[in-house]
Amino acid sequence: MADCIFCMIAKKEIPSNIVYEDDRIICFHDLEPQAPVHVLIIPKKHIASLDEVEEDDEELLGYLMTKVKKIAEDLELENGYRLVNNCGEDGMQTVKHLHFHLLGKRKLTWPPG
């Protein structure tokens, strides 16, 4: 999608502080961190939200989930972390590209919202 900021990051049209990248996903530091470690993990394929996921995306999203452990290890989140997805207006999704927030390096509280 031409005007999607995360698509532009994935295509390297906008600079970002990349933590992990391969041919299917990219992970980069959030510009407004909510924890000492706060990165975003996105598929390079544009999918607007979890509500837009189709059966064809099953393998891609399974792949993304298996990479969370490696990214958390690379970021030294040995004491734990939180993985968050915001979906839709009430879920506070601000960028219409599927993404997961990986937060850690502090005690996270509950409930979050």
PDB file of N, CA and C in Angstrom:
ATOM      1  N   MET A   1       0.852  -1.176   0.000  1.00  0.00           N
ATOM      2  CA  MET A   1       0.000   0.000   0.000  1.00  0.00           C
ATOM      3  C   MET A   1       0.900   1.241   0.000  1.00  0.00           C
ATOM      4  N   ALA A   2       0.687   2.114  -0.920  1.00  0.00           N
ATOM      5  CA  ALA A   2       1.589   3.236  -1.185  1.00  0.00           C
ATOM      6  C   ALA A   2       1.713   4.229  -0.034  1.00  0.00           C
ATOM      7  N   ASP A   3       0.637   4.502   0.681  1.00  0.00           N
ATOM      8  CA  ASP A   3       0.695   5.528   1.716  1.00  0.00           C
ATOM      9  C   ASP A   3       0.817   4.968   3.131  1.00  0.00           C
ATOM     10  N   CYS A   4       1.128   3.697   3.261  1.00  0.00           N
ATOM     11  CA  CYS A   4       1.254   3.059   4.575  1.00  0.00           C
ATOM     12  C   CYS A   4       2.669   3.260   5.117  1.00  0.00           C
ATOM     13  N   ILE A   5       2.777   3.887   6.268  1.00  0.00           N
ATOM     14  CA  ILE A   5       4.093   4.181   6.836  1.00  0.00           C
ATOM     15  C   ILE A   5       4.898   2.912   7.126  1.00  0.00           C
ATOM     16  N   PHE A   6       4.233   1.842   7.571  1.00  0.00           N
ATOM     17  CA  PHE A   6       4.965   0.607   7.852  1.00  0.00           C
ATOM     18  C   PHE A   6       5.419  -0.074   6.559  1.00  0.00           C
ATOM     19  N   CYS A   7       4.637   0.023   5.497  1.00  0.00           N
ATOM     20  CA  CYS A   7       5.090  -0.494   4.207  1.00  0.00           C
ATOM     21  C   CYS A   7       6.324   0.288   3.744  1.00  0.00           C
ATOM     22  N   MET A   8       6.320   1.598   3.958  1.00  0.00           N
ATOM     23  CA  MET A   8       7.469   2.417   3.572  1.00  0.00           C
ATOM     24  C   MET A   8       8.705   2.062   4.392  1.00  0.00           C
ATOM     25  N   ILE A   9       8.527   1.756   5.677  1.00  0.00           N
ATOM     26  CA  ILE A   9       9.646   1.303   6.510  1.00  0.00           C
ATOM     27  C   ILE A   9      10.171  -0.025   5.994  1.00  0.00           C
ATOM     28  N   ALA A  10       9.267  -0.948   5.685  1.00  0.00           N
ATOM     29  CA  ALA A  10       9.666  -2.267   5.186  1.00  0.00           C
ATOM     30  C   ALA A  10      10.430  -2.163   3.870  1.00  0.00           C
ATOM     31  N   LYS A  11      10.090  -1.172   3.050  1.00  0.00           N
ATOM     32  CA  LYS A  11      10.764  -0.972   1.764  1.00  0.00           C
ATOM     33  C   LYS A  11      11.999  -0.078   1.887  1.00  0.00           C
ATOM     34  N   LYS A  12      12.307   0.353   3.123  1.00  0.00           N
ATOM     35  CA  LYS A  12      13.461   1.219   3.403  1.00  0.00           C
ATOM     36  C   LYS A  12      13.318   2.611   2.774  1.00  0.00           C
ATOM     37  N   GLU A  13      12.081   3.035   2.571  1.00  0.00           N
ATOM     38  CA  GLU A  13      11.815   4.378   2.066  1.00  0.00           C
ATOM     39  C   GLU A  13      11.833   5.386   3.206  1.00  0.00           C
ATOM     40  N   ILE A  14      11.649   4.872   4.427  1.00  0.00           N
ATOM     41  CA  ILE A  14      11.716   5.678   5.649  1.00  0.00           C
ATOM     42  C   ILE A  14      12.708   4.977   6.568  1.00  0.00           C
ATOM     43  N   PRO A  15      13.663   5.719   7.134  1.00  0.00           N
ATOM     44  CA  PRO A  15      14.640   5.066   8.009  1.00  0.00           C
ATOM     45  C   PRO A  15      14.012   4.603   9.321  1.00  0.00           C
ATOM     46  N   SER A  16      14.561   3.530   9.857  1.00  0.00           N
ATOM     47  CA  SER A  16      14.128   3.027  11.155  1.00  0.00           C
ATOM     48  C   SER A  16      15.306   2.316  11.804  1.00  0.00           C
ATOM     49  N   ASN A  17      15.187   2.088  13.081  1.00  0.00           N
ATOM     50  CA  ASN A  17      16.219   1.381  13.839  1.00  0.00           C
ATOM     51  C   ASN A  17      15.828  -0.097  13.853  1.00  0.00           C
ATOM     52  N   ILE A  18      16.333  -0.839  12.881  1.00  0.00           N
ATOM     53  CA  ILE A  18      15.930  -2.226  12.664  1.00  0.00           C
ATOM     54  C   ILE A  18      16.636  -3.158  13.647  1.00  0.00           C
ATOM     55  N   VAL A  19      15.848  -4.051  14.237  1.00  0.00           N
ATOM     56  CA  VAL A  19      16.342  -5.063  15.177  1.00  0.00           C
ATOM     57  C   VAL A  19      16.502  -6.408  14.475  1.00  0.00           C
ATOM     58  N   TYR A  20      15.555  -6.731  13.602  1.00  0.00           N
ATOM     59  CA  TYR A  20      15.567  -8.009  12.887  1.00  0.00           C
ATOM     60  C   TYR A  20      14.864  -7.813  11.555  1.00  0.00           C
ATOM     61  N   GLU A  21      15.366  -8.509  10.538  1.00  0.00           N
ATOM     62  CA  GLU A  21      14.707  -8.460   9.237  1.00  0.00           C
ATOM     63  C   GLU A  21      15.051  -9.715   8.450  1.00  0.00           C
ATOM     64  N   ASP A  22      14.064 -10.202   7.726  1.00  0.00           N
ATOM     65  CA  ASP A  22      14.287 -11.251   6.737  1.00  0.00           C
ATOM     66  C   ASP A  22      13.357 -10.950   5.567  1.00  0.00           C
ATOM     67  N   ASP A  23      13.133 -11.899   4.696  1.00  0.00           N
ATOM     68  CA  ASP A  23      12.329 -11.625   3.506  1.00  0.00           C
ATOM     69  C   ASP A  23      10.833 -11.496   3.787  1.00  0.00           C
ATOM     70  N   ARG A  24      10.373 -11.876   4.988  1.00  0.00           N
ATOM     71  CA  ARG A  24       8.932 -11.851   5.282  1.00  0.00           C
ATOM     72  C   ARG A  24       8.503 -10.878   6.366  1.00  0.00           C
ATOM     73  N   ILE A  25       9.400 -10.606   7.312  1.00  0.00           N
ATOM     74  CA  ILE A  25       9.035  -9.722   8.432  1.00  0.00           C
ATOM     75  C   ILE A  25      10.166  -8.734   8.701  1.00  0.00           C
ATOM     76  N   ILE A  26       9.820  -7.700   9.433  1.00  0.00           N
ATOM     77  CA  ILE A  26      10.812  -6.726   9.884  1.00  0.00           C
ATOM     78  C   ILE A  26      10.426  -6.291  11.294  1.00  0.00           C
ATOM     79  N   CYS A  27      11.420  -6.045  12.115  1.00  0.00           N
ATOM     80  CA  CYS A  27      11.219  -5.614  13.493  1.00  0.00           C
ATOM     81  C   CYS A  27      12.073  -4.375  13.728  1.00  0.00           C
ATOM     82  N   PHE A  28      11.481  -3.340  14.300  1.00  0.00           N
ATOM     83  CA  PHE A  28      12.188  -2.075  14.502  1.00  0.00           C
ATOM     84  C   PHE A  28      11.707  -1.412  15.788  1.00  0.00           C
ATOM     85  N   HIS A  29      12.531  -0.508  16.312  1.00  0.00           N
ATOM     86  CA  HIS A  29      12.209   0.193  17.555  1.00  0.00           C
ATOM     87  C   HIS A  29      11.037   1.149  17.346  1.00  0.00           C
ATOM     88  N   ASP A  30      10.145   1.181  18.319  1.00  0.00           N
ATOM     89  CA  ASP A  30       9.012   2.098  18.317  1.00  0.00           C
ATOM     90  C   ASP A  30       9.519   3.514  18.585  1.00  0.00           C
ATOM     91  N   LEU A  31       8.959   4.497  17.892  1.00  0.00           N
ATOM     92  CA  LEU A  31       9.378   5.892  18.081  1.00  0.00           C
ATOM     93  C   LEU A  31       8.882   6.486  19.394  1.00  0.00           C
ATOM     94  N   GLU A  32       7.852   5.887  19.986  1.00  0.00           N
ATOM     95  CA  GLU A  32       7.322   6.362  21.267  1.00  0.00           C
ATOM     96  C   GLU A  32       7.291   5.195  22.247  1.00  0.00           C
ATOM     97  N   PRO A  33       8.460   4.761  22.723  1.00  0.00           N
ATOM     98  CA  PRO A  33       8.525   3.550  23.555  1.00  0.00           C
ATOM     99  C   PRO A  33       7.755   3.683  24.860  1.00  0.00           C
ATOM    100  N   GLN A  34       7.082   2.594  25.219  1.00  0.00           N
ATOM    101  CA  GLN A  34       6.315   2.515  26.454  1.00  0.00           C
ATOM    102  C   GLN A  34       6.991   1.627  27.487  1.00  0.00           C
ATOM    103  N   ALA A  35       8.188   1.162  27.173  1.00  0.00           N
ATOM    104  CA  ALA A  35       8.993   0.332  28.070  1.00  0.00           C
ATOM    105  C   ALA A  35      10.448   0.503  27.630  1.00  0.00           C
ATOM    106  N   PRO A  36      11.396   0.111  28.479  1.00  0.00           N
ATOM    107  CA  PRO A  36      12.803   0.232  28.077  1.00  0.00           C
ATOM    108  C   PRO A  36      13.111  -0.470  26.751  1.00  0.00           C
ATOM    109  N   VAL A  37      12.457  -1.595  26.495  1.00  0.00           N
ATOM    110  CA  VAL A  37      12.510  -2.226  25.174  1.00  0.00           C
ATOM    111  C   VAL A  37      11.097  -2.202  24.621  1.00  0.00           C
ATOM    112  N   HIS A  38      10.943  -1.587  23.449  1.00  0.00           N
ATOM    113  CA  HIS A  38       9.639  -1.527  22.777  1.00  0.00           C
ATOM    114  C   HIS A  38       9.911  -1.535  21.283  1.00  0.00           C
ATOM    115  N   VAL A  39       9.661  -2.684  20.673  1.00  0.00           N
ATOM    116  CA  VAL A  39       9.848  -2.822  19.230  1.00  0.00           C
ATOM    117  C   VAL A  39       8.538  -3.246  18.591  1.00  0.00           C
ATOM    118  N   LEU A  40       8.447  -3.018  17.300  1.00  0.00           N
ATOM    119  CA  LEU A  40       7.290  -3.416  16.516  1.00  0.00           C
ATOM    120  C   LEU A  40       7.715  -4.514  15.560  1.00  0.00           C
ATOM    121  N   ILE A  41       6.918  -5.545  15.455  1.00  0.00           N
ATOM    122  CA  ILE A  41       7.164  -6.643  14.537  1.00  0.00           C
ATOM    123  C   ILE A  41       6.032  -6.642  13.519  1.00  0.00           C
ATOM    124  N   ILE A  42       6.391  -6.534  12.238  1.00  0.00           N
ATOM    125  CA  ILE A  42       5.363  -6.462  11.198  1.00  0.00           C
ATOM    126  C   ILE A  42       5.667  -7.441  10.064  1.00  0.00           C
ATOM    127  N   PRO A  43       4.617  -7.931   9.427  1.00  0.00           N
ATOM    128  CA  PRO A  43       4.853  -8.648   8.176  1.00  0.00           C
ATOM    129  C   PRO A  43       5.149  -7.617   7.086  1.00  0.00           C
ATOM    130  N   LYS A  44       5.996  -7.955   6.140  1.00  0.00           N
ATOM    131  CA  LYS A  44       6.259  -7.035   5.037  1.00  0.00           C
ATOM    132  C   LYS A  44       5.050  -6.939   4.111  1.00  0.00           C
ATOM    133  N   LYS A  45       4.260  -7.996   4.059  1.00  0.00           N
ATOM    134  CA  LYS A  45       3.020  -7.965   3.286  1.00  0.00           C
ATOM    135  C   LYS A  45       2.038  -7.037   3.995  1.00  0.00           C
ATOM    136  N   HIS A  46       1.397  -6.176   3.245  1.00  0.00           N
ATOM    137  CA  HIS A  46       0.415  -5.286   3.862  1.00  0.00           C
ATOM    138  C   HIS A  46      -0.857  -6.058   4.198  1.00  0.00           C
ATOM    139  N   ILE A  47      -1.140  -6.097   5.482  1.00  0.00           N
ATOM    140  CA  ILE A  47      -2.404  -6.616   6.014  1.00  0.00           C
ATOM    141  C   ILE A  47      -2.867  -5.534   6.984  1.00  0.00           C
ATOM    142  N   ALA A  48      -4.048  -5.001   6.789  1.00  0.00           N
ATOM    143  CA  ALA A  48      -4.474  -3.839   7.561  1.00  0.00           C
ATOM    144  C   ALA A  48      -4.600  -4.117   9.059  1.00  0.00           C
ATOM    145  N   SER A  49      -5.120  -5.280   9.435  1.00  0.00           N
ATOM    146  CA  SER A  49      -5.305  -5.594  10.855  1.00  0.00           C
ATOM    147  C   SER A  49      -5.600  -7.090  10.985  1.00  0.00           C
ATOM    148  N   LEU A  50      -5.726  -7.549  12.219  1.00  0.00           N
ATOM    149  CA  LEU A  50      -6.114  -8.948  12.415  1.00  0.00           C
ATOM    150  C   LEU A  50      -7.472  -9.240  11.791  1.00  0.00           C
ATOM    151  N   ASP A  51      -8.332  -8.235  11.723  1.00  0.00           N
ATOM    152  CA  ASP A  51      -9.639  -8.410  11.097  1.00  0.00           C
ATOM    153  C   ASP A  51      -9.552  -8.630   9.590  1.00  0.00           C
ATOM    154  N   GLU A  52      -8.402  -8.335   9.009  1.00  0.00           N
ATOM    155  CA  GLU A  52      -8.212  -8.483   7.559  1.00  0.00           C
ATOM    156  C   GLU A  52      -7.414  -9.737   7.195  1.00  0.00           C
ATOM    157  N   VAL A  53      -7.010 -10.522   8.183  1.00  0.00           N
ATOM    158  CA  VAL A  53      -6.231 -11.735   7.931  1.00  0.00           C
ATOM    159  C   VAL A  53      -7.095 -12.738   7.163  1.00  0.00           C
ATOM    160  N   GLU A  54      -6.478 -13.366   6.167  1.00  0.00           N
ATOM    161  CA  GLU A  54      -7.166 -14.382   5.378  1.00  0.00           C
ATOM    162  C   GLU A  54      -6.452 -15.718   5.553  1.00  0.00           C
ATOM    163  N   GLU A  55      -7.081 -16.788   5.102  1.00  0.00           N
ATOM    164  CA  GLU A  55      -6.480 -18.117   5.229  1.00  0.00           C
ATOM    165  C   GLU A  55      -5.097 -18.173   4.610  1.00  0.00           C
ATOM    166  N   ASP A  56      -4.885 -17.466   3.523  1.00  0.00           N
ATOM    167  CA  ASP A  56      -3.575 -17.451   2.861  1.00  0.00           C
ATOM    168  C   ASP A  56      -2.482 -16.858   3.746  1.00  0.00           C
ATOM    169  N   ASP A  57      -2.848 -16.134   4.795  1.00  0.00           N
ATOM    170  CA  ASP A  57      -1.880 -15.491   5.688  1.00  0.00           C
ATOM    171  C   ASP A  57      -1.465 -16.390   6.854  1.00  0.00           C
ATOM    172  N   GLU A  58      -2.067 -17.555   6.960  1.00  0.00           N
ATOM    173  CA  GLU A  58      -1.815 -18.433   8.095  1.00  0.00           C
ATOM    174  C   GLU A  58      -0.334 -18.767   8.251  1.00  0.00           C
ATOM    175  N   GLU A  59       0.318 -19.153   7.196  1.00  0.00           N
ATOM    176  CA  GLU A  59       1.730 -19.537   7.274  1.00  0.00           C
ATOM    177  C   GLU A  59       2.593 -18.330   7.650  1.00  0.00           C
ATOM    178  N   LEU A  60       2.310 -17.169   7.065  1.00  0.00           N
ATOM    179  CA  LEU A  60       3.078 -15.956   7.357  1.00  0.00           C
ATOM    180  C   LEU A  60       2.964 -15.574   8.825  1.00  0.00           C
ATOM    181  N   LEU A  61       1.760 -15.611   9.361  1.00  0.00           N
ATOM    182  CA  LEU A  61       1.579 -15.205  10.752  1.00  0.00           C
ATOM    183  C   LEU A  61       2.141 -16.244  11.717  1.00  0.00           C
ATOM    184  N   GLY A  62       2.060 -17.513  11.370  1.00  0.00           N
ATOM    185  CA  GLY A  62       2.711 -18.545  12.170  1.00  0.00           C
ATOM    186  C   GLY A  62       4.216 -18.340  12.173  1.00  0.00           C
ATOM    187  N   TYR A  63       4.763 -18.015  11.020  1.00  0.00           N
ATOM    188  CA  TYR A  63       6.197 -17.736  10.894  1.00  0.00           C
ATOM    189  C   TYR A  63       6.579 -16.545  11.783  1.00  0.00           C
ATOM    190  N   LEU A  64       5.797 -15.463  11.702  1.00  0.00           N
ATOM    191  CA  LEU A  64       6.072 -14.283  12.519  1.00  0.00           C
ATOM    192  C   LEU A  64       6.099 -14.652  14.002  1.00  0.00           C
ATOM    193  N   MET A  65       5.122 -15.429  14.427  1.00  0.00           N
ATOM    194  CA  MET A  65       5.061 -15.810  15.847  1.00  0.00           C
ATOM    195  C   MET A  65       6.274 -16.635  16.265  1.00  0.00           C
ATOM    196  N   THR A  66       6.778 -17.480  15.386  1.00  0.00           N
ATOM    197  CA  THR A  66       7.953 -18.277  15.759  1.00  0.00           C
ATOM    198  C   THR A  66       9.199 -17.414  15.868  1.00  0.00           C
ATOM    199  N   LYS A  67       9.226 -16.261  15.239  1.00  0.00           N
ATOM    200  CA  LYS A  67      10.386 -15.365  15.308  1.00  0.00           C
ATOM    201  C   LYS A  67      10.386 -14.500  16.571  1.00  0.00           C
ATOM    202  N   VAL A  68       9.258 -14.403  17.255  1.00  0.00           N
ATOM    203  CA  VAL A  68       9.183 -13.593  18.474  1.00  0.00           C
ATOM    204  C   VAL A  68      10.216 -14.064  19.492  1.00  0.00           C
ATOM    205  N   LYS A  69      10.330 -15.363  19.681  1.00  0.00           N
ATOM    206  CA  LYS A  69      11.287 -15.909  20.652  1.00  0.00           C
ATOM    207  C   LYS A  69      12.708 -15.474  20.325  1.00  0.00           C
ATOM    208  N   LYS A  70      13.110 -15.567  19.056  1.00  0.00           N
ATOM    209  CA  LYS A  70      14.461 -15.173  18.654  1.00  0.00           C
ATOM    210  C   LYS A  70      14.690 -13.682  18.893  1.00  0.00           C
ATOM    211  N   ILE A  71      13.712 -12.870  18.515  1.00  0.00           N
ATOM    212  CA  ILE A  71      13.838 -11.424  18.702  1.00  0.00           C
ATOM    213  C   ILE A  71      13.940 -11.101  20.189  1.00  0.00           C
ATOM    214  N   ALA A  72      13.109 -11.734  21.018  1.00  0.00           N
ATOM    215  CA  ALA A  72      13.166 -11.512  22.472  1.00  0.00           C
ATOM    216  C   ALA A  72      14.531 -11.932  23.027  1.00  0.00           C
ATOM    217  N   GLU A  73      15.070 -13.046  22.560  1.00  0.00           N
ATOM    218  CA  GLU A  73      16.406 -13.474  22.998  1.00  0.00           C
ATOM    219  C   GLU A  73      17.466 -12.465  22.574  1.00  0.00           C
ATOM    220  N   ASP A  74      17.395 -11.988  21.332  1.00  0.00           N
ATOM    221  CA  ASP A  74      18.357 -10.996  20.835  1.00  0.00           C
ATOM    222  C   ASP A  74      18.308  -9.707  21.653  1.00  0.00           C
ATOM    223  N   LEU A  75      17.125  -9.358  22.150  1.00  0.00           N
ATOM    224  CA  LEU A  75      16.946  -8.145  22.954  1.00  0.00           C
ATOM    225  C   LEU A  75      17.164  -8.392  24.449  1.00  0.00           C
ATOM    226  N   GLU A  76      17.586  -9.613  24.784  1.00  0.00           N
ATOM    227  CA  GLU A  76      17.891 -10.006  26.164  1.00  0.00           C
ATOM    228  C   GLU A  76      16.704  -9.828  27.098  1.00  0.00           C
ATOM    229  N   LEU A  77      15.554 -10.302  26.665  1.00  0.00           N
ATOM    230  CA  LEU A  77      14.336 -10.224  27.470  1.00  0.00           C
ATOM    231  C   LEU A  77      14.128 -11.521  28.246  1.00  0.00           C
ATOM    232  N   GLU A  78      15.189 -11.962  28.921  1.00  0.00           N
ATOM    233  CA  GLU A  78      15.173 -13.245  29.612  1.00  0.00           C
ATOM    234  C   GLU A  78      14.203 -13.300  30.787  1.00  0.00           C
ATOM    235  N   ASN A  79      13.791 -12.166  31.332  1.00  0.00           N
ATOM    236  CA  ASN A  79      12.845 -12.165  32.457  1.00  0.00           C
ATOM    237  C   ASN A  79      11.396 -12.089  32.003  1.00  0.00           C
ATOM    238  N   GLY A  80      11.181 -12.086  30.718  1.00  0.00           N
ATOM    239  CA  GLY A  80       9.820 -12.048  30.193  1.00  0.00           C
ATOM    240  C   GLY A  80       9.551 -10.808  29.368  1.00  0.00           C
ATOM    241  N   TYR A  81       8.412 -10.824  28.717  1.00  0.00           N
ATOM    242  CA  TYR A  81       8.024  -9.728  27.833  1.00  0.00           C
ATOM    243  C   TYR A  81       6.528  -9.810  27.587  1.00  0.00           C
ATOM    244  N   ARG A  82       6.010  -8.792  26.937  1.00  0.00           N
ATOM    245  CA  ARG A  82       4.596  -8.775  26.540  1.00  0.00           C
ATOM    246  C   ARG A  82       4.528  -8.535  25.043  1.00  0.00           C
ATOM    247  N   LEU A  83       3.660  -9.293  24.375  1.00  0.00           N
ATOM    248  CA  LEU A  83       3.402  -9.123  22.951  1.00  0.00           C
ATOM    249  C   LEU A  83       1.970  -8.636  22.812  1.00  0.00           C
ATOM    250  N   VAL A  84       1.782  -7.497  22.153  1.00  0.00           N
ATOM    251  CA  VAL A  84       0.470  -6.849  22.087  1.00  0.00           C
ATOM    252  C   VAL A  84       0.105  -6.557  20.643  1.00  0.00           C
ATOM    253  N   ASN A  85      -1.164  -6.775  20.321  1.00  0.00           N
ATOM    254  CA  ASN A  85      -1.709  -6.360  19.039  1.00  0.00           C
ATOM    255  C   ASN A  85      -2.937  -5.508  19.308  1.00  0.00           C
ATOM    256  N   ASN A  86      -2.976  -4.321  18.731  1.00  0.00           N
ATOM    257  CA  ASN A  86      -4.136  -3.455  18.828  1.00  0.00           C
ATOM    258  C   ASN A  86      -4.913  -3.595  17.526  1.00  0.00           C
ATOM    259  N   CYS A  87      -6.217  -3.821  17.628  1.00  0.00           N
ATOM    260  CA  CYS A  87      -7.036  -4.052  16.440  1.00  0.00           C
ATOM    261  C   CYS A  87      -8.246  -3.134  16.466  1.00  0.00           C
ATOM    262  N   GLY A  88      -8.360  -2.302  15.460  1.00  0.00           N
ATOM    263  CA  GLY A  88      -9.523  -1.430  15.319  1.00  0.00           C
ATOM    264  C   GLY A  88      -9.479  -0.200  16.201  1.00  0.00           C
ATOM    265  N   GLU A  89     -10.502   0.609  16.038  1.00  0.00           N
ATOM    266  CA  GLU A  89     -10.584   1.900  16.740  1.00  0.00           C
ATOM    267  C   GLU A  89     -10.606   1.733  18.259  1.00  0.00           C
ATOM    268  N   ASP A  90     -11.476   0.881  18.779  1.00  0.00           N
ATOM    269  CA  ASP A  90     -11.545   0.685  20.222  1.00  0.00           C
ATOM    270  C   ASP A  90     -10.298   0.010  20.771  1.00  0.00           C
ATOM    271  N   GLY A  91      -9.609  -0.751  19.929  1.00  0.00           N
ATOM    272  CA  GLY A  91      -8.352  -1.387  20.329  1.00  0.00           C
ATOM    273  C   GLY A  91      -7.167  -0.455  20.234  1.00  0.00           C
ATOM    274  N   MET A  92      -7.407   0.796  19.817  1.00  0.00           N
ATOM    275  CA  MET A  92      -6.370   1.832  19.707  1.00  0.00           C
ATOM    276  C   MET A  92      -5.332   1.531  18.624  1.00  0.00           C
ATOM    277  N   GLN A  93      -5.756   0.895  17.534  1.00  0.00           N
ATOM    278  CA  GLN A  93      -4.851   0.679  16.408  1.00  0.00           C
ATOM    279  C   GLN A  93      -4.704   1.996  15.664  1.00  0.00           C
ATOM    280  N   THR A  94      -3.491   2.546  15.647  1.00  0.00           N
ATOM    281  CA  THR A  94      -3.267   3.845  15.018  1.00  0.00           C
ATOM    282  C   THR A  94      -2.670   3.744  13.622  1.00  0.00           C
ATOM    283  N   VAL A  95      -1.961   2.661  13.333  1.00  0.00           N
ATOM    284  CA  VAL A  95      -1.422   2.434  11.992  1.00  0.00           C
ATOM    285  C   VAL A  95      -2.145   1.230  11.404  1.00  0.00           C
ATOM    286  N   LYS A  96      -2.738   1.423  10.253  1.00  0.00           N
ATOM    287  CA  LYS A  96      -3.535   0.364   9.625  1.00  0.00           C
ATOM    288  C   LYS A  96      -2.638  -0.602   8.846  1.00  0.00           C
ATOM    289  N   HIS A  97      -1.728  -1.217   9.563  1.00  0.00           N
ATOM    290  CA  HIS A  97      -0.863  -2.292   9.060  1.00  0.00           C
ATOM    291  C   HIS A  97      -0.656  -3.206  10.256  1.00  0.00           C
ATOM    292  N   LEU A  98      -0.968  -4.478  10.095  1.00  0.00           N
ATOM    293  CA  LEU A  98      -0.844  -5.428  11.191  1.00  0.00           C
ATOM    294  C   LEU A  98       0.535  -5.322  11.829  1.00  0.00           C
ATOM    295  N   HIS A  99       0.556  -5.152  13.143  1.00  0.00           N
ATOM    296  CA  HIS A  99       1.832  -5.076  13.854  1.00  0.00           C
ATOM    297  C   HIS A  99       1.650  -5.539  15.288  1.00  0.00           C
ATOM    298  N   PHE A 100       2.759  -6.005  15.845  1.00  0.00           N
ATOM    299  CA  PHE A 100       2.783  -6.495  17.214  1.00  0.00           C
ATOM    300  C   PHE A 100       3.827  -5.701  17.986  1.00  0.00           C
ATOM    301  N   HIS A 101       3.442  -5.227  19.157  1.00  0.00           N
ATOM    302  CA  HIS A 101       4.354  -4.526  20.059  1.00  0.00           C
ATOM    303  C   HIS A 101       5.005  -5.572  20.956  1.00  0.00           C
ATOM    304  N   LEU A 102       6.316  -5.582  20.998  1.00  0.00           N
ATOM    305  CA  LEU A 102       7.066  -6.433  21.919  1.00  0.00           C
ATOM    306  C   LEU A 102       7.689  -5.512  22.955  1.00  0.00           C
ATOM    307  N   LEU A 103       7.266  -5.664  24.218  1.00  0.00           N
ATOM    308  CA  LEU A 103       7.704  -4.781  25.295  1.00  0.00           C
ATOM    309  C   LEU A 103       8.394  -5.578  26.388  1.00  0.00           C
ATOM    310  N   GLY A 104       9.420  -4.997  26.978  1.00  0.00           N
ATOM    311  CA  GLY A 104      10.109  -5.680  28.059  1.00  0.00           C
ATOM    312  C   GLY A 104      11.143  -4.820  28.747  1.00  0.00           C
ATOM    313  N   LYS A 105      11.904  -5.463  29.618  1.00  0.00           N
ATOM    314  CA  LYS A 105      12.965  -4.869  30.444  1.00  0.00           C
ATOM    315  C   LYS A 105      12.416  -4.011  31.579  1.00  0.00           C
ATOM    316  N   ARG A 106      11.171  -4.280  31.962  1.00  0.00           N
ATOM    317  CA  ARG A 106      10.611  -3.717  33.189  1.00  0.00           C
ATOM    318  C   ARG A 106       9.431  -4.585  33.583  1.00  0.00           C
ATOM    319  N   LYS A 107       9.019  -4.480  34.831  1.00  0.00           N
ATOM    320  CA  LYS A 107       7.828  -5.194  35.311  1.00  0.00           C
ATOM    321  C   LYS A 107       6.601  -4.529  34.677  1.00  0.00           C
ATOM    322  N   LEU A 108       5.861  -5.295  33.909  1.00  0.00           N
ATOM    323  CA  LEU A 108       4.672  -4.775  33.246  1.00  0.00           C
ATOM    324  C   LEU A 108       3.453  -5.004  34.127  1.00  0.00           C
ATOM    325  N   THR A 109       2.561  -4.039  34.165  1.00  0.00           N
ATOM    326  CA  THR A 109       1.409  -4.131  35.059  1.00  0.00           C
ATOM    327  C   THR A 109       0.187  -4.676  34.333  1.00  0.00           C
ATOM    328  N   TRP A 110      -0.819  -5.055  35.113  1.00  0.00           N
ATOM    329  CA  TRP A 110      -2.070  -5.565  34.571  1.00  0.00           C
ATOM    330  C   TRP A 110      -3.204  -5.050  35.432  1.00  0.00           C
ATOM    331  N   PRO A 111      -4.321  -4.625  34.920  1.00  0.00           N
ATOM    332  CA  PRO A 111      -4.662  -4.634  33.502  1.00  0.00           C
ATOM    333  C   PRO A 111      -3.954  -3.520  32.745  1.00  0.00           C
ATOM    334  N   PRO A 112      -3.730  -3.716  31.441  1.00  0.00           N
ATOM    335  CA  PRO A 112      -2.956  -2.753  30.664  1.00  0.00           C
ATOM    336  C   PRO A 112      -3.722  -1.497  30.266  1.00  0.00           C
ATOM    337  N   GLY A 113      -5.047  -1.562  30.125  1.00  0.00           N
ATOM    338  CA  GLY A 113      -5.764  -0.430  29.540  1.00  0.00           C
ATOM    339  C   GLY A 113      -6.619   0.302  30.489  1.00  0.00           C
TER     340      GLY A 113
END
